[in-house]
Every structure is written in C-alpha cells, then in structure tokens.
PDB file of N, CA and C in Angstrom:
ATOM      1  N   MET A   1    -316.009  28.882 -44.458  1.00  0.00           N
ATOM      2  CA  MET A   1    -315.738  29.915 -43.222  1.00  0.00           C
ATOM      3  C   MET A   1    -315.311  30.880 -44.033  1.00  0.00           C
ATOM      4  N   PRO A   2    -315.351  32.293 -43.524  1.00  0.00           N
ATOM      5  CA  PRO A   2    -314.815  33.316 -43.944  1.00  0.00           C
ATOM      6  C   PRO A   2    -313.167  33.471 -44.050  1.00  0.00           C
ATOM      7  N   ILE A   3    -312.470  34.195 -44.848  1.00  0.00           N
ATOM      8  CA  ILE A   3    -311.179  34.131 -44.868  1.00  0.00           C
ATOM      9  C   ILE A   3    -310.471  35.361 -43.959  1.00  0.00           C
ATOM     10  N   THR A   4    -309.679  35.039 -43.183  1.00  0.00           N
ATOM     11  CA  THR A   4    -309.217  35.976 -42.205  1.00  0.00           C
ATOM     12  C   THR A   4    -307.528  36.109 -42.571  1.00  0.00           C
ATOM     13  N   ASP A   5    -307.258  36.933 -41.686  1.00  0.00           N
ATOM     14  CA  ASP A   5    -305.561  37.137 -41.797  1.00  0.00           C
ATOM     15  C   ASP A   5    -305.025  35.771 -41.742  1.00  0.00           C
ATOM     16  N   ASP A   6    -305.490  34.747 -40.530  1.00  0.00           N
ATOM     17  CA  ASP A   6    -304.659  33.522 -40.115  1.00  0.00           C
ATOM     18  C   ASP A   6    -305.407  32.514 -41.232  1.00  0.00           C
ATOM     19  N   THR A   7    -305.956  32.709 -42.225  1.00  0.00           N
ATOM     20  CA  THR A   7    -306.433  31.692 -43.155  1.00  0.00           C
ATOM     21  C   THR A   7    -304.993  31.330 -44.000  1.00  0.00           C
ATOM     22  N   THR A   8    -305.118  30.167 -43.718  1.00  0.00           N
ATOM     23  CA  THR A   8    -303.845  29.633 -45.050  1.00  0.00           C
ATOM     24  C   THR A   8    -304.442  29.695 -46.244  1.00  0.00           C
ATOM     25  N   VAL A   9    -303.426  30.035 -47.273  1.00  0.00           N
ATOM     26  CA  VAL A   9    -304.020  30.445 -48.624  1.00  0.00           C
ATOM     27  C   VAL A   9    -302.732  29.889 -49.749  1.00  0.00           C
ATOM     28  N   THR A  10    -303.174  29.681 -50.808  1.00  0.00           N
ATOM     29  CA  THR A  10    -302.029  29.449 -51.803  1.00  0.00           C
ATOM     30  C   THR A  10    -302.097  30.988 -52.652  1.00  0.00           C
ATOM     31  N   PHE A  11    -301.062  31.554 -53.309  1.00  0.00           N
ATOM     32  CA  PHE A  11    -300.892  32.536 -53.646  1.00  0.00           C
ATOM     33  C   PHE A  11    -300.656  32.271 -55.135  1.00  0.00           C
ATOM     34  N   TYR A  12    -301.486  33.065 -56.369  1.00  0.00           N
ATOM     35  CA  TYR A  12    -301.047  32.699 -57.534  1.00  0.00           C
ATOM     36  C   TYR A  12    -301.150  34.090 -58.230  1.00  0.00           C
ATOM     37  N   ASP A  13    -301.251  34.027 -59.519  1.00  0.00           N
ATOM     38  CA  ASP A  13    -301.727  35.024 -60.765  1.00  0.00           C
ATOM     39  C   ASP A  13    -300.669  36.570 -60.347  1.00  0.00           C
ATOM     40  N   PRO A  14    -299.660  36.563 -59.979  1.00  0.00           N
ATOM     41  CA  PRO A  14    -299.272  38.051 -59.727  1.00  0.00           C
ATOM     42  C   PRO A  14    -299.487  38.799 -60.728  1.00  0.00           C
ATOM     43  N   HIS A  15    -299.448  40.010 -60.626  1.00  0.00           N
ATOM     44  CA  HIS A  15    -299.394  41.225 -61.471  1.00  0.00           C
ATOM     45  C   HIS A  15    -298.473  41.082 -62.525  1.00  0.00           C
ATOM     46  N   PRO A  16    -299.074  41.253 -63.715  1.00  0.00           N
ATOM     47  CA  PRO A  16    -297.816  40.971 -64.719  1.00  0.00           C
ATOM     48  C   PRO A  16    -296.781  42.034 -65.171  1.00  0.00           C
ATOM     49  N   GLY A  17    -296.895  43.089 -64.503  1.00  0.00           N
ATOM     50  CA  GLY A  17    -295.793  44.428 -64.668  1.00  0.00           C
ATOM     51  C   GLY A  17    -296.994  45.422 -65.063  1.00  0.00           C
ATOM     52  N   PHE A  18    -296.509  46.075 -66.402  1.00  0.00           N
ATOM     53  CA  PHE A  18    -297.133  47.218 -66.782  1.00  0.00           C
ATOM     54  C   PHE A  18    -298.614  46.873 -67.190  1.00  0.00           C
ATOM     55  N   ALA A  19    -298.528  46.288 -68.143  1.00  0.00           N
ATOM     56  CA  ALA A  19    -299.894  45.726 -68.605  1.00  0.00           C
ATOM     57  C   ALA A  19    -300.881  46.800 -68.984  1.00  0.00           C
ATOM     58  N   GLY A  20    -300.516  47.699 -69.338  1.00  0.00           N
ATOM     59  CA  GLY A  20    -301.705  48.600 -69.769  1.00  0.00           C
ATOM     60  C   GLY A  20    -301.935  49.577 -68.707  1.00  0.00           C
ATOM     61  N   ALA A  21    -301.384  49.181 -67.578  1.00  0.00           N
ATOM     62  CA  ALA A  21    -301.814  50.340 -66.443  1.00  0.00           C
ATOM     63  C   ALA A  21    -300.959  51.675 -66.708  1.00  0.00           C
ATOM     64  N   ALA A  22    -302.068  52.692 -66.072  1.00  0.00           N
ATOM     65  CA  ALA A  22    -301.295  54.199 -65.975  1.00  0.00           C
ATOM     66  C   ALA A  22    -300.052  54.375 -65.634  1.00  0.00           C
ATOM     67  N   ILE A  23    -299.657  53.475 -64.773  1.00  0.00           N
ATOM     68  CA  ILE A  23    -298.198  53.396 -64.498  1.00  0.00           C
ATOM     69  C   ILE A  23    -298.046  51.921 -64.103  1.00  0.00           C
ATOM     70  N   PRO A  24    -296.496  51.745 -64.201  1.00  0.00           N
ATOM     71  CA  PRO A  24    -296.289  50.257 -63.794  1.00  0.00           C
ATOM     72  C   PRO A  24    -296.373  49.931 -62.545  1.00  0.00           C
ATOM     73  N   ILE A  25    -296.534  48.693 -61.833  1.00  0.00           N
ATOM     74  CA  ILE A  25    -296.423  48.495 -60.548  1.00  0.00           C
ATOM     75  C   ILE A  25    -295.019  48.456 -59.945  1.00  0.00           C
ATOM     76  N   PRO A  26    -294.784  48.839 -58.840  1.00  0.00           N
ATOM     77  CA  PRO A  26    -293.294  49.319 -58.346  1.00  0.00           C
ATOM     78  C   PRO A  26    -292.479  47.926 -58.424  1.00  0.00           C
ATOM     79  N   ASP A  27    -291.144  47.945 -58.940  1.00  0.00           N
ATOM     80  CA  ASP A  27    -290.814  46.668 -59.091  1.00  0.00           C
ATOM     81  C   ASP A  27    -290.332  45.841 -57.814  1.00  0.00           C
ATOM     82  N   ALA A  28    -290.282  46.434 -56.606  1.00  0.00           N
ATOM     83  CA  ALA A  28    -290.184  45.708 -55.405  1.00  0.00           C
ATOM     84  C   ALA A  28    -291.469  44.986 -55.409  1.00  0.00           C
ATOM     85  N   VAL A  29    -292.515  45.608 -55.334  1.00  0.00           N
ATOM     86  CA  VAL A  29    -293.930  45.037 -55.087  1.00  0.00           C
ATOM     87  C   VAL A  29    -293.934  43.530 -56.201  1.00  0.00           C
ATOM     88  N   LYS A  30    -293.407  43.774 -57.298  1.00  0.00           N
ATOM     89  CA  LYS A  30    -293.711  42.880 -58.417  1.00  0.00           C
ATOM     90  C   LYS A  30    -292.616  41.772 -58.187  1.00  0.00           C
ATOM     91  N   ARG A  31    -291.486  41.913 -57.648  1.00  0.00           N
ATOM     92  CA  ARG A  31    -290.907  40.783 -57.089  1.00  0.00           C
ATOM     93  C   ARG A  31    -291.415  40.248 -56.112  1.00  0.00           C
ATOM     94  N   VAL A  32    -291.728  40.984 -54.862  1.00  0.00           N
ATOM     95  CA  VAL A  32    -291.984  40.214 -53.888  1.00  0.00           C
ATOM     96  C   VAL A  32    -293.426  39.069 -54.259  1.00  0.00           C
ATOM     97  N   ALA A  33    -294.142  39.700 -55.284  1.00  0.00           N
ATOM     98  CA  ALA A  33    -295.474  39.289 -55.885  1.00  0.00           C
ATOM     99  C   ALA A  33    -295.143  37.865 -56.229  1.00  0.00           C
ATOM    100  N   ASP A  34    -294.150  37.897 -57.490  1.00  0.00           N
ATOM    101  CA  ASP A  34    -293.566  36.722 -58.363  1.00  0.00           C
ATOM    102  C   ASP A  34    -292.743  35.794 -56.858  1.00  0.00           C
ATOM    103  N   ALA A  35    -292.344  36.111 -55.924  1.00  0.00           N
ATOM    104  CA  ALA A  35    -291.979  35.246 -54.925  1.00  0.00           C
ATOM    105  C   ALA A  35    -292.960  34.482 -54.535  1.00  0.00           C
ATOM    106  N   LEU A  36    -293.989  35.361 -53.962  1.00  0.00           N
ATOM    107  CA  LEU A  36    -295.273  34.350 -53.491  1.00  0.00           C
ATOM    108  C   LEU A  36    -295.740  33.491 -54.352  1.00  0.00           C
ATOM    109  N   ASP A  37    -295.932  33.799 -55.617  1.00  0.00           N
ATOM    110  CA  ASP A  37    -296.664  32.628 -56.522  1.00  0.00           C
ATOM    111  C   ASP A  37    -296.515  31.333 -56.366  1.00  0.00           C
ATOM    112  N   ARG A  38    -297.436  30.759 -56.232  1.00  0.00           N
ATOM    113  CA  ARG A  38    -297.614  28.995 -55.745  1.00  0.00           C
ATOM    114  C   ARG A  38    -297.014  28.851 -54.232  1.00  0.00           C
ATOM    115  N   GLN A  39    -296.825  29.845 -53.426  1.00  0.00           N
ATOM    116  CA  GLN A  39    -296.608  29.713 -52.120  1.00  0.00           C
ATOM    117  C   GLN A  39    -297.757  29.366 -51.137  1.00  0.00           C
ATOM    118  N   THR A  40    -297.952  28.523 -50.275  1.00  0.00           N
ATOM    119  CA  THR A  40    -298.747  28.497 -49.218  1.00  0.00           C
ATOM    120  C   THR A  40    -298.691  28.879 -47.630  1.00  0.00           C
ATOM    121  N   LEU A  41    -299.243  29.799 -47.308  1.00  0.00           N
ATOM    122  CA  LEU A  41    -298.730  30.513 -46.256  1.00  0.00           C
ATOM    123  C   LEU A  41    -299.783  31.186 -45.785  1.00  0.00           C
ATOM    124  N   PRO A  42    -300.045  31.646 -44.201  1.00  0.00           N
ATOM    125  CA  PRO A  42    -301.040  32.576 -43.881  1.00  0.00           C
ATOM    126  C   PRO A  42    -301.446  33.478 -44.698  1.00  0.00           C
ATOM    127  N   LEU A  43    -302.265  34.162 -44.997  1.00  0.00           N
ATOM    128  CA  LEU A  43    -302.636  35.565 -45.541  1.00  0.00           C
ATOM    129  C   LEU A  43    -301.938  36.562 -45.292  1.00  0.00           C
ATOM    130  N   ALA A  44    -301.660  36.833 -43.679  1.00  0.00           N
ATOM    131  CA  ALA A  44    -301.150  38.149 -43.169  1.00  0.00           C
ATOM    132  C   ALA A  44    -299.928  38.153 -43.644  1.00  0.00           C
ATOM    133  N   ASP A  45    -299.169  36.899 -43.578  1.00  0.00           N
ATOM    134  CA  ASP A  45    -297.501  36.959 -44.135  1.00  0.00           C
ATOM    135  C   ASP A  45    -297.852  37.510 -45.421  1.00  0.00           C
ATOM    136  N   GLY A  46    -298.225  36.871 -46.346  1.00  0.00           N
ATOM    137  CA  GLY A  46    -298.431  37.808 -47.912  1.00  0.00           C
ATOM    138  C   GLY A  46    -298.423  38.960 -47.637  1.00  0.00           C
ATOM    139  N   VAL A  47    -299.456  39.520 -46.773  1.00  0.00           N
ATOM    140  CA  VAL A  47    -299.601  41.154 -46.815  1.00  0.00           C
ATOM    141  C   VAL A  47    -298.412  41.661 -46.256  1.00  0.00           C
ATOM    142  N   GLN A  48    -298.155  41.367 -45.234  1.00  0.00           N
ATOM    143  CA  GLN A  48    -296.884  41.651 -44.417  1.00  0.00           C
ATOM    144  C   GLN A  48    -295.757  41.816 -45.504  1.00  0.00           C
ATOM    145  N   ARG A  49    -295.227  40.977 -46.252  1.00  0.00           N
ATOM    146  CA  ARG A  49    -294.372  40.835 -47.446  1.00  0.00           C
ATOM    147  C   ARG A  49    -294.293  41.541 -48.242  1.00  0.00           C
ATOM    148  N   ILE A  50    -295.463  42.346 -48.854  1.00  0.00           N
ATOM    149  CA  ILE A  50    -295.949  43.279 -49.772  1.00  0.00           C
ATOM    150  C   ILE A  50    -295.506  44.779 -48.995  1.00  0.00           C
ATOM    151  N   GLN A  51    -296.224  44.944 -47.963  1.00  0.00           N
ATOM    152  CA  GLN A  51    -296.162  45.803 -47.092  1.00  0.00           C
ATOM    153  C   GLN A  51    -294.748  46.400 -46.696  1.00  0.00           C
ATOM    154  N   ALA A  52    -293.792  45.456 -46.497  1.00  0.00           N
ATOM    155  CA  ALA A  52    -292.797  45.692 -46.457  1.00  0.00           C
ATOM    156  C   ALA A  52    -291.703  46.606 -47.460  1.00  0.00           C
ATOM    157  N   VAL A  53    -292.149  46.248 -48.672  1.00  0.00           N
ATOM    158  CA  VAL A  53    -291.273  46.960 -49.607  1.00  0.00           C
ATOM    159  C   VAL A  53    -292.024  48.207 -50.461  1.00  0.00           C
ATOM    160  N   THR A  54    -293.136  48.770 -49.651  1.00  0.00           N
ATOM    161  CA  THR A  54    -294.016  49.796 -50.133  1.00  0.00           C
ATOM    162  C   THR A  54    -294.381  50.840 -49.249  1.00  0.00           C
ATOM    163  N   HIS A  55    -294.404  51.922 -49.543  1.00  0.00           N
ATOM    164  CA  HIS A  55    -294.997  53.117 -48.656  1.00  0.00           C
ATOM    165  C   HIS A  55    -296.883  53.126 -48.988  1.00  0.00           C
ATOM    166  N   GLY A  56    -297.365  52.439 -50.170  1.00  0.00           N
ATOM    167  CA  GLY A  56    -298.469  52.238 -49.972  1.00  0.00           C
ATOM    168  C   GLY A  56    -299.452  51.667 -49.489  1.00  0.00           C
ATOM    169  N   ARG A  57    -300.595  51.664 -49.563  1.00  0.00           N
ATOM    170  CA  ARG A  57    -301.624  50.878 -48.580  1.00  0.00           C
ATOM    171  C   ARG A  57    -301.955  49.476 -49.063  1.00  0.00           C
ATOM    172  N   VAL A  58    -301.456  48.327 -48.290  1.00  0.00           N
ATOM    173  CA  VAL A  58    -301.739  47.250 -48.689  1.00  0.00           C
ATOM    174  C   VAL A  58    -302.873  46.422 -48.373  1.00  0.00           C
ATOM    175  N   GLU A  59    -303.572  45.777 -49.007  1.00  0.00           N
ATOM    176  CA  GLU A  59    -304.751  45.226 -48.208  1.00  0.00           C
ATOM    177  C   GLU A  59    -305.201  44.069 -48.457  1.00  0.00           C
ATOM    178  N   ALA A  60    -305.930  42.996 -47.893  1.00  0.00           N
ATOM    179  CA  ALA A  60    -306.469  42.022 -48.379  1.00  0.00           C
ATOM    180  C   ALA A  60    -307.574  42.098 -48.790  1.00  0.00           C
ATOM    181  N   MET A  61    -308.013  41.426 -49.704  1.00  0.00           N
ATOM    182  CA  MET A  61    -309.631  41.688 -50.352  1.00  0.00           C
ATOM    183  C   MET A  61    -310.033  40.068 -50.215  1.00  0.00           C
ATOM    184  N   PRO A  62    -310.523  40.079 -49.018  1.00  0.00           N
ATOM    185  CA  PRO A  62    -311.145  38.349 -49.063  1.00  0.00           C
ATOM    186  C   PRO A  62    -312.254  37.978 -49.826  1.00  0.00           C
ATOM    187  N   SER A  63    -313.069  38.651 -49.908  1.00  0.00           N
ATOM    188  CA  SER A  63    -314.370  38.443 -50.549  1.00  0.00           C
ATOM    189  C   SER A  63    -313.862  38.393 -52.402  1.00  0.00           C
ATOM    190  N   LEU A  64    -312.894  38.886 -52.644  1.00  0.00           N
ATOM    191  CA  LEU A  64    -312.306  39.253 -54.140  1.00  0.00           C
ATOM    192  C   LEU A  64    -311.134  38.050 -54.536  1.00  0.00           C
ATOM    193  N   GLN A  65    -310.835  37.841 -53.050  1.00  0.00           N
ATOM    194  CA  GLN A  65    -309.282  36.937 -52.812  1.00  0.00           C
ATOM    195  C   GLN A  65    -308.340  37.605 -53.813  1.00  0.00           C
ATOM    196  N   TYR A  66    -307.888  38.406 -53.499  1.00  0.00           N
ATOM    197  CA  TYR A  66    -306.630  38.905 -53.860  1.00  0.00           C
ATOM    198  C   TYR A  66    -305.947  40.112 -52.934  1.00  0.00           C
ATOM    199  N   ILE A  67    -304.846  40.163 -53.094  1.00  0.00           N
ATOM    200  CA  ILE A  67    -304.103  41.185 -52.393  1.00  0.00           C
ATOM    201  C   ILE A  67    -304.225  42.542 -53.138  1.00  0.00           C
ATOM    202  N   GLY A  68    -304.584  43.688 -52.466  1.00  0.00           N
ATOM    203  CA  GLY A  68    -304.246  45.047 -53.537  1.00  0.00           C
ATOM    204  C   GLY A  68    -303.440  46.022 -52.696  1.00  0.00           C
ATOM    205  N   LEU A  69    -302.627  46.871 -53.624  1.00  0.00           N
ATOM    206  CA  LEU A  69    -302.064  47.941 -53.301  1.00  0.00           C
ATOM    207  C   LEU A  69    -302.775  49.338 -53.949  1.00  0.00           C
ATOM    208  N   TRP A  70    -302.969  50.202 -52.691  1.00  0.00           N
ATOM    209  CA  TRP A  70    -303.242  51.841 -53.389  1.00  0.00           C
ATOM    210  C   TRP A  70    -302.077  52.464 -53.061  1.00  0.00           C
ATOM    211  N   ILE A  71    -301.797  53.323 -53.949  1.00  0.00           N
ATOM    212  CA  ILE A  71    -300.670  54.232 -54.115  1.00  0.00           C
ATOM    213  C   ILE A  71    -301.256  55.557 -54.234  1.00  0.00           C
ATOM    214  N   SER A  72    -300.962  56.579 -53.520  1.00  0.00           N
ATOM    215  CA  SER A  72    -301.778  57.702 -53.544  1.00  0.00           C
ATOM    216  C   SER A  72    -301.029  58.644 -54.410  1.00  0.00           C
ATOM    217  N   ALA A  73    -301.801  60.028 -54.348  1.00  0.00           N
ATOM    218  CA  ALA A  73    -301.056  61.322 -55.518  1.00  0.00           C
ATOM    219  C   ALA A  73    -299.328  61.087 -55.425  1.00  0.00           C
ATOM    220  N   SER A  74    -299.131  61.170 -56.490  1.00  0.00           N
ATOM    221  CA  SER A  74    -297.388  61.090 -56.424  1.00  0.00           C
ATOM    222  C   SER A  74    -297.329  61.538 -58.024  1.00  0.00           C
ATOM    223  N   SER A  75    -295.514  61.330 -58.149  1.00  0.00           N
ATOM    224  CA  SER A  75    -295.385  61.519 -59.661  1.00  0.00           C
ATOM    225  C   SER A  75    -294.897  60.108 -60.217  1.00  0.00           C
ATOM    226  N   SER A  76    -295.649  59.904 -61.334  1.00  0.00           N
ATOM    227  CA  SER A  76    -295.019  58.263 -61.743  1.00  0.00           C
ATOM    228  C   SER A  76    -293.651  58.426 -62.421  1.00  0.00           C
ATOM    229  N   PRO A  77    -292.689  57.467 -62.720  1.00  0.00           N
ATOM    230  CA  PRO A  77    -291.511  57.243 -63.230  1.00  0.00           C
ATOM    231  C   PRO A  77    -291.119  58.067 -64.016  1.00  0.00           C
ATOM    232  N   CYS A  78    -292.133  58.031 -64.879  1.00  0.00           N
ATOM    233  CA  CYS A  78    -292.022  58.674 -66.167  1.00  0.00           C
ATOM    234  C   CYS A  78    -292.672  60.531 -66.568  1.00  0.00           C
ATOM    235  N   GLY A  79    -292.626  60.632 -65.078  1.00  0.00           N
ATOM    236  CA  GLY A  79    -292.821  62.218 -65.194  1.00  0.00           C
ATOM    237  C   GLY A  79    -294.647  62.724 -65.030  1.00  0.00           C
ATOM    238  N   GLN A  80    -295.564  61.705 -65.210  1.00  0.00           N
ATOM    239  CA  GLN A  80    -296.880  61.869 -65.444  1.00  0.00           C
ATOM    240  C   GLN A  80    -297.265  62.008 -63.745  1.00  0.00           C
ATOM    241  N   ARG A  81    -298.185  63.077 -63.667  1.00  0.00           N
ATOM    242  CA  ARG A  81    -298.936  63.246 -62.076  1.00  0.00           C
ATOM    243  C   ARG A  81    -300.417  62.180 -62.402  1.00  0.00           C
ATOM    244  N   TYR A  82    -300.308  61.566 -61.461  1.00  0.00           N
ATOM    245  CA  TYR A  82    -301.800  60.801 -61.048  1.00  0.00           C
ATOM    246  C   TYR A  82    -302.257  61.144 -59.798  1.00  0.00           C
ATOM    247  N   LEU A  83    -303.392  60.955 -59.583  1.00  0.00           N
ATOM    248  CA  LEU A  83    -304.248  61.168 -58.138  1.00  0.00           C
ATOM    249  C   LEU A  83    -304.298  59.918 -57.390  1.00  0.00           C
ATOM    250  N   GLY A  84    -303.572  58.843 -57.999  1.00  0.00           N
ATOM    251  CA  GLY A  84    -303.815  57.403 -57.345  1.00  0.00           C
ATOM    252  C   GLY A  84    -304.030  56.189 -58.306  1.00  0.00           C
ATOM    253  N   HIS A  85    -303.442  54.813 -57.628  1.00  0.00           N
ATOM    254  CA  HIS A  85    -303.463  53.874 -58.475  1.00  0.00           C
ATOM    255  C   HIS A  85    -304.085  52.599 -57.431  1.00  0.00           C
ATOM    256  N   PHE A  86    -304.771  51.783 -58.053  1.00  0.00           N
ATOM    257  CA  PHE A  86    -304.804  50.697 -57.040  1.00  0.00           C
ATOM    258  C   PHE A  86    -304.680  49.300 -58.242  1.00  0.00           C
ATOM    259  N   PHE A  87    -303.546  48.709 -57.714  1.00  0.00           N
ATOM    260  CA  PHE A  87    -303.269  47.706 -58.552  1.00  0.00           C
ATOM    261  C   PHE A  87    -303.450  46.089 -57.479  1.00  0.00           C
ATOM    262  N   ARG A  88    -304.135  45.237 -58.388  1.00  0.00           N
ATOM    263  CA  ARG A  88    -304.347  44.123 -57.858  1.00  0.00           C
ATOM    264  C   ARG A  88    -302.938  42.966 -57.762  1.00  0.00           C
ATOM    265  N   VAL A  89    -302.451  42.829 -56.646  1.00  0.00           N
ATOM    266  CA  VAL A  89    -300.945  42.512 -56.721  1.00  0.00           C
ATOM    267  C   VAL A  89    -300.867  41.238 -56.961  1.00  0.00           C
ATOM    268  N   ILE A  90    -301.748  40.215 -56.580  1.00  0.00           N
ATOM    269  CA  ILE A  90    -301.749  38.458 -56.472  1.00  0.00           C
ATOM    270  C   ILE A  90    -302.761  38.083 -56.016  1.00  0.00           C
ATOM    271  N   ARG A  91    -303.385  36.960 -56.522  1.00  0.00           N
ATOM    272  CA  ARG A  91    -304.578  36.379 -56.385  1.00  0.00           C
ATOM    273  C   ARG A  91    -304.392  35.168 -55.071  1.00  0.00           C
ATOM    274  N   PHE A  92    -305.193  34.819 -54.665  1.00  0.00           N
ATOM    275  CA  PHE A  92    -305.085  34.037 -53.551  1.00  0.00           C
ATOM    276  C   PHE A  92    -306.471  33.025 -53.710  1.00  0.00           C
ATOM    277  N   ARG A  93    -306.027  31.680 -53.125  1.00  0.00           N
ATOM    278  CA  ARG A  93    -307.177  30.729 -53.074  1.00  0.00           C
ATOM    279  C   ARG A  93    -307.266  29.762 -51.355  1.00  0.00           C
ATOM    280  N   GLU A  94    -308.172  29.978 -50.906  1.00  0.00           N
ATOM    281  CA  GLU A  94    -307.969  28.999 -49.497  1.00  0.00           C
ATOM    282  C   GLU A  94    -307.606  27.887 -49.349  1.00  0.00           C
ATOM    283  N   VAL A  95    -306.681  27.326 -48.715  1.00  0.00           N
ATOM    284  CA  VAL A  95    -306.339  25.841 -48.722  1.00  0.00           C
ATOM    285  C   VAL A  95    -307.336  25.234 -47.713  1.00  0.00           C
ATOM    286  N   ARG A  96    -308.086  24.035 -48.394  1.00  0.00           N
ATOM    287  CA  ARG A  96    -309.030  23.439 -47.459  1.00  0.00           C
ATOM    288  C   ARG A  96    -308.506  22.144 -47.294  1.00  0.00           C
ATOM    289  N   ASP A  97    -308.735  21.394 -46.300  1.00  0.00           N
ATOM    290  CA  ASP A  97    -308.458  20.088 -45.758  1.00  0.00           C
ATOM    291  C   ASP A  97    -308.776  19.212 -46.853  1.00  0.00           C
ATOM    292  N   GLY A  98    -307.837  18.767 -47.348  1.00  0.00           N
ATOM    293  CA  GLY A  98    -307.924  17.470 -48.396  1.00  0.00           C
ATOM    294  C   GLY A  98    -307.263  18.059 -49.701  1.00  0.00           C
ATOM    295  N   ASP A  99    -307.270  19.749 -49.694  1.00  0.00           N
ATOM    296  CA  ASP A  99    -306.441  20.218 -50.754  1.00  0.00           C
ATOM    297  C   ASP A  99    -304.966  19.275 -51.112  1.00  0.00           C
ATOM    298  N   HIS A 100    -304.723  18.961 -52.521  1.00  0.00           N
ATOM    299  CA  HIS A 100    -303.395  18.367 -52.753  1.00  0.00           C
ATOM    300  C   HIS A 100    -302.758  19.768 -53.401  1.00  0.00           C
ATOM    301  N   GLN A 101    -301.335  20.062 -52.773  1.00  0.00           N
ATOM    302  CA  GLN A 101    -300.350  21.026 -52.991  1.00  0.00           C
ATOM    303  C   GLN A 101    -299.248  20.636 -53.898  1.00  0.00           C
ATOM    304  N   PRO A 102    -299.009  21.076 -54.780  1.00  0.00           N
ATOM    305  CA  PRO A 102    -298.161  20.923 -55.965  1.00  0.00           C
ATOM    306  C   PRO A 102    -296.797  20.863 -55.121  1.00  0.00           C
TER     307      PRO A 102
END
C-alpha cells in the first residue's frame, strides 16, 4: 500500500548536523529529529513536530521514505548568502503487521 500521512512509521537515521552541508541544519529541527529517532507513530505526527519548530517547508517524501526541509533564500548563521537549501531531516519505514518494535 502507498504510504500516506496516516501510515504508522518508525523514524530512524536523523540528520547528523552539519556534515559538510553548505549550512548547518537548524538546531531546533535537529533536536526534534533526534527525539523522533526510533519512535513509531503516524507519519503526519512526525511532519507536524518538525514543522512546529521551523518556518521552512517540511514535506514527507513517501517514495524516498524521508521527511525533508526546504529553507529558502536567507543568510546563514556565518553570514554567507544562499538561495536555499534542502535537508533530509529523518528517514522512516512503514510498520507492517508482524513487525517487531524495539
């Protein structure tokens, strides 16, 4: 079945932080992603938790199984200008009947 906002998923592999990106992922988003790690809940709940701490566009990408964040033109904390940046915030996998949760 296709993954929808109501699909129960397990979140894993949150963004590691700076990791060579042109700009670091916002601290509040990183904290939420870390808190979601290994949690099992509806996909929409994870999206809402991330969206609550950012003005960027948060979007679930079901075909790629991650939640992404798009931050548009602004200045980075170190003063550099950028047109925008997309982050893979956290991955997820669908929980299916019979899956064992830790």
